[in-house]
Amino acid sequence: MHNIYMLAIAEIGIFAFVFMAFIIFKLARQIYRYNKLFFPLIIVLLVSGIFDHPLWSLYSGVMIWWVAIGLVLAEK
């Protein structure tokens, strides 16, 4: 499976996925509100999840995701 959203639903279940989506939505909204310069980075990472799975299943992908979130939130 190459879609990380379907992969997440299969691995953690629908309720955990909804909770995770809520957290990501809140983070994206906070980034959009306070740091619009980095908002396209988050959108690119979210859209790339439709086409491939490294952001979910590989250690380097997980680190890219959380380092990007950390850098964006640290700029505030």
C-alpha atoms as a PDB file:
ATOM      1  CA  MET A   1       0.000   0.000   0.000  1.00  0.00           C
ATOM      2  CA  HIS A   2       1.507   3.359  -0.990  1.00  0.00           C
ATOM      3  CA  ASN A   3      -1.074   5.726   0.480  1.00  0.00           C
ATOM      4  CA  ILE A   4      -0.037   6.537   4.059  1.00  0.00           C
ATOM      5  CA  TYR A   5      -3.575   7.444   5.035  1.00  0.00           C
ATOM      6  CA  MET A   6      -4.949   4.035   4.051  1.00  0.00           C
ATOM      7  CA  LEU A   7      -1.891   2.398   5.603  1.00  0.00           C
ATOM      8  CA  ALA A   8      -2.492   4.271   8.858  1.00  0.00           C
ATOM      9  CA  ILE A   9      -6.135   3.193   8.936  1.00  0.00           C
ATOM     10  CA  ALA A  10      -5.071  -0.420   8.370  1.00  0.00           C
ATOM     11  CA  GLU A  11      -2.367  -0.315  11.047  1.00  0.00           C
ATOM     12  CA  ILE A  12      -3.851   1.787  13.850  1.00  0.00           C
ATOM     13  CA  GLY A  13      -7.573   1.679  13.162  1.00  0.00           C
ATOM     14  CA  ILE A  14     -10.159   4.273  12.250  1.00  0.00           C
ATOM     15  CA  PHE A  15     -10.504   5.914  15.681  1.00  0.00           C
ATOM     16  CA  ALA A  16      -6.764   6.439  16.130  1.00  0.00           C
ATOM     17  CA  PHE A  17      -6.560   7.695  12.554  1.00  0.00           C
ATOM     18  CA  VAL A  18      -9.295  10.260  13.210  1.00  0.00           C
ATOM     19  CA  PHE A  19      -7.435  11.394  16.331  1.00  0.00           C
ATOM     20  CA  MET A  20      -4.166  11.620  14.377  1.00  0.00           C
ATOM     21  CA  ALA A  21      -5.879  13.578  11.581  1.00  0.00           C
ATOM     22  CA  PHE A  22      -7.311  15.957  14.192  1.00  0.00           C
ATOM     23  CA  ILE A  23      -3.829  16.572  15.639  1.00  0.00           C
ATOM     24  CA  ILE A  24      -2.351  17.141  12.170  1.00  0.00           C
ATOM     25  CA  PHE A  25      -5.217  19.501  11.305  1.00  0.00           C
ATOM     26  CA  LYS A  26      -4.611  21.500  14.496  1.00  0.00           C
ATOM     27  CA  LEU A  27      -0.871  21.685  13.756  1.00  0.00           C
ATOM     28  CA  ALA A  28      -1.500  22.774  10.163  1.00  0.00           C
ATOM     29  CA  ARG A  29      -3.946  25.425  11.325  1.00  0.00           C
ATOM     30  CA  GLN A  30      -1.459  26.735  13.879  1.00  0.00           C
ATOM     31  CA  ILE A  31       1.279  26.820  11.236  1.00  0.00           C
ATOM     32  CA  TYR A  32      -1.019  28.637   8.812  1.00  0.00           C
ATOM     33  CA  ARG A  33      -2.010  31.161  11.457  1.00  0.00           C
ATOM     34  CA  TYR A  34       1.449  31.968  12.821  1.00  0.00           C
ATOM     35  CA  ASN A  35       3.978  31.023  10.161  1.00  0.00           C
ATOM     36  CA  LYS A  36       2.588  31.199   6.630  1.00  0.00           C
ATOM     37  CA  LEU A  37       6.038  30.930   5.086  1.00  0.00           C
ATOM     38  CA  PHE A  38       6.354  27.246   6.008  1.00  0.00           C
ATOM     39  CA  PHE A  39       2.743  26.264   5.348  1.00  0.00           C
ATOM     40  CA  PRO A  40       3.528  25.020   1.790  1.00  0.00           C
ATOM     41  CA  LEU A  41       6.099  22.624   3.293  1.00  0.00           C
ATOM     42  CA  ILE A  42       3.416  20.982   5.413  1.00  0.00           C
ATOM     43  CA  ILE A  43       1.035  20.828   2.451  1.00  0.00           C
ATOM     44  CA  VAL A  44       3.712  19.157   0.299  1.00  0.00           C
ATOM     45  CA  LEU A  45       4.382  16.580   3.014  1.00  0.00           C
ATOM     46  CA  LEU A  46       0.672  15.856   3.421  1.00  0.00           C
ATOM     47  CA  VAL A  47       0.058  15.566  -0.326  1.00  0.00           C
ATOM     48  CA  SER A  48       3.124  13.368  -0.815  1.00  0.00           C
ATOM     49  CA  GLY A  49       1.510  10.933   1.624  1.00  0.00           C
ATOM     50  CA  ILE A  50      -1.095  10.143  -1.006  1.00  0.00           C
ATOM     51  CA  PHE A  51       1.532   8.783  -3.383  1.00  0.00           C
ATOM     52  CA  ASP A  52       4.121   7.033  -1.229  1.00  0.00           C
ATOM     53  CA  HIS A  53       4.624   5.734   2.295  1.00  0.00           C
ATOM     54  CA  PRO A  54       8.134   6.641   3.568  1.00  0.00           C
ATOM     55  CA  LEU A  55       6.807   9.389   5.839  1.00  0.00           C
ATOM     56  CA  TRP A  56       4.897   6.701   7.738  1.00  0.00           C
ATOM     57  CA  SER A  57       6.899   3.496   7.486  1.00  0.00           C
ATOM     58  CA  LEU A  58      10.584   4.420   7.282  1.00  0.00           C
ATOM     59  CA  TYR A  59      12.639   5.889  10.099  1.00  0.00           C
ATOM     60  CA  SER A  60      14.112   8.562   7.835  1.00  0.00           C
ATOM     61  CA  GLY A  61      10.643   9.573   6.637  1.00  0.00           C
ATOM     62  CA  VAL A  62       9.325   9.859  10.187  1.00  0.00           C
ATOM     63  CA  MET A  63      12.342  12.000  11.110  1.00  0.00           C
ATOM     64  CA  ILE A  64      11.788  14.251   8.067  1.00  0.00           C
ATOM     65  CA  TRP A  65       8.157  14.764   9.091  1.00  0.00           C
ATOM     66  CA  TRP A  66       8.868  15.583  12.755  1.00  0.00           C
ATOM     67  CA  VAL A  67      11.956  17.701  12.053  1.00  0.00           C
ATOM     68  CA  ALA A  68       9.909  19.730   9.569  1.00  0.00           C
ATOM     69  CA  ILE A  69       7.112  20.163  12.149  1.00  0.00           C
ATOM     70  CA  GLY A  70       9.646  21.072  14.839  1.00  0.00           C
ATOM     71  CA  LEU A  71      11.419  23.630  12.668  1.00  0.00           C
ATOM     72  CA  VAL A  72       8.172  25.221  11.597  1.00  0.00           C
ATOM     73  CA  LEU A  73       6.872  25.509  15.148  1.00  0.00           C
ATOM     74  CA  ALA A  74      10.246  26.682  16.472  1.00  0.00           C
ATOM     75  CA  GLU A  75      10.152  29.700  14.133  1.00  0.00           C
ATOM     76  CA  LYS A  76       7.194  31.069  16.056  1.00  0.00           C
END
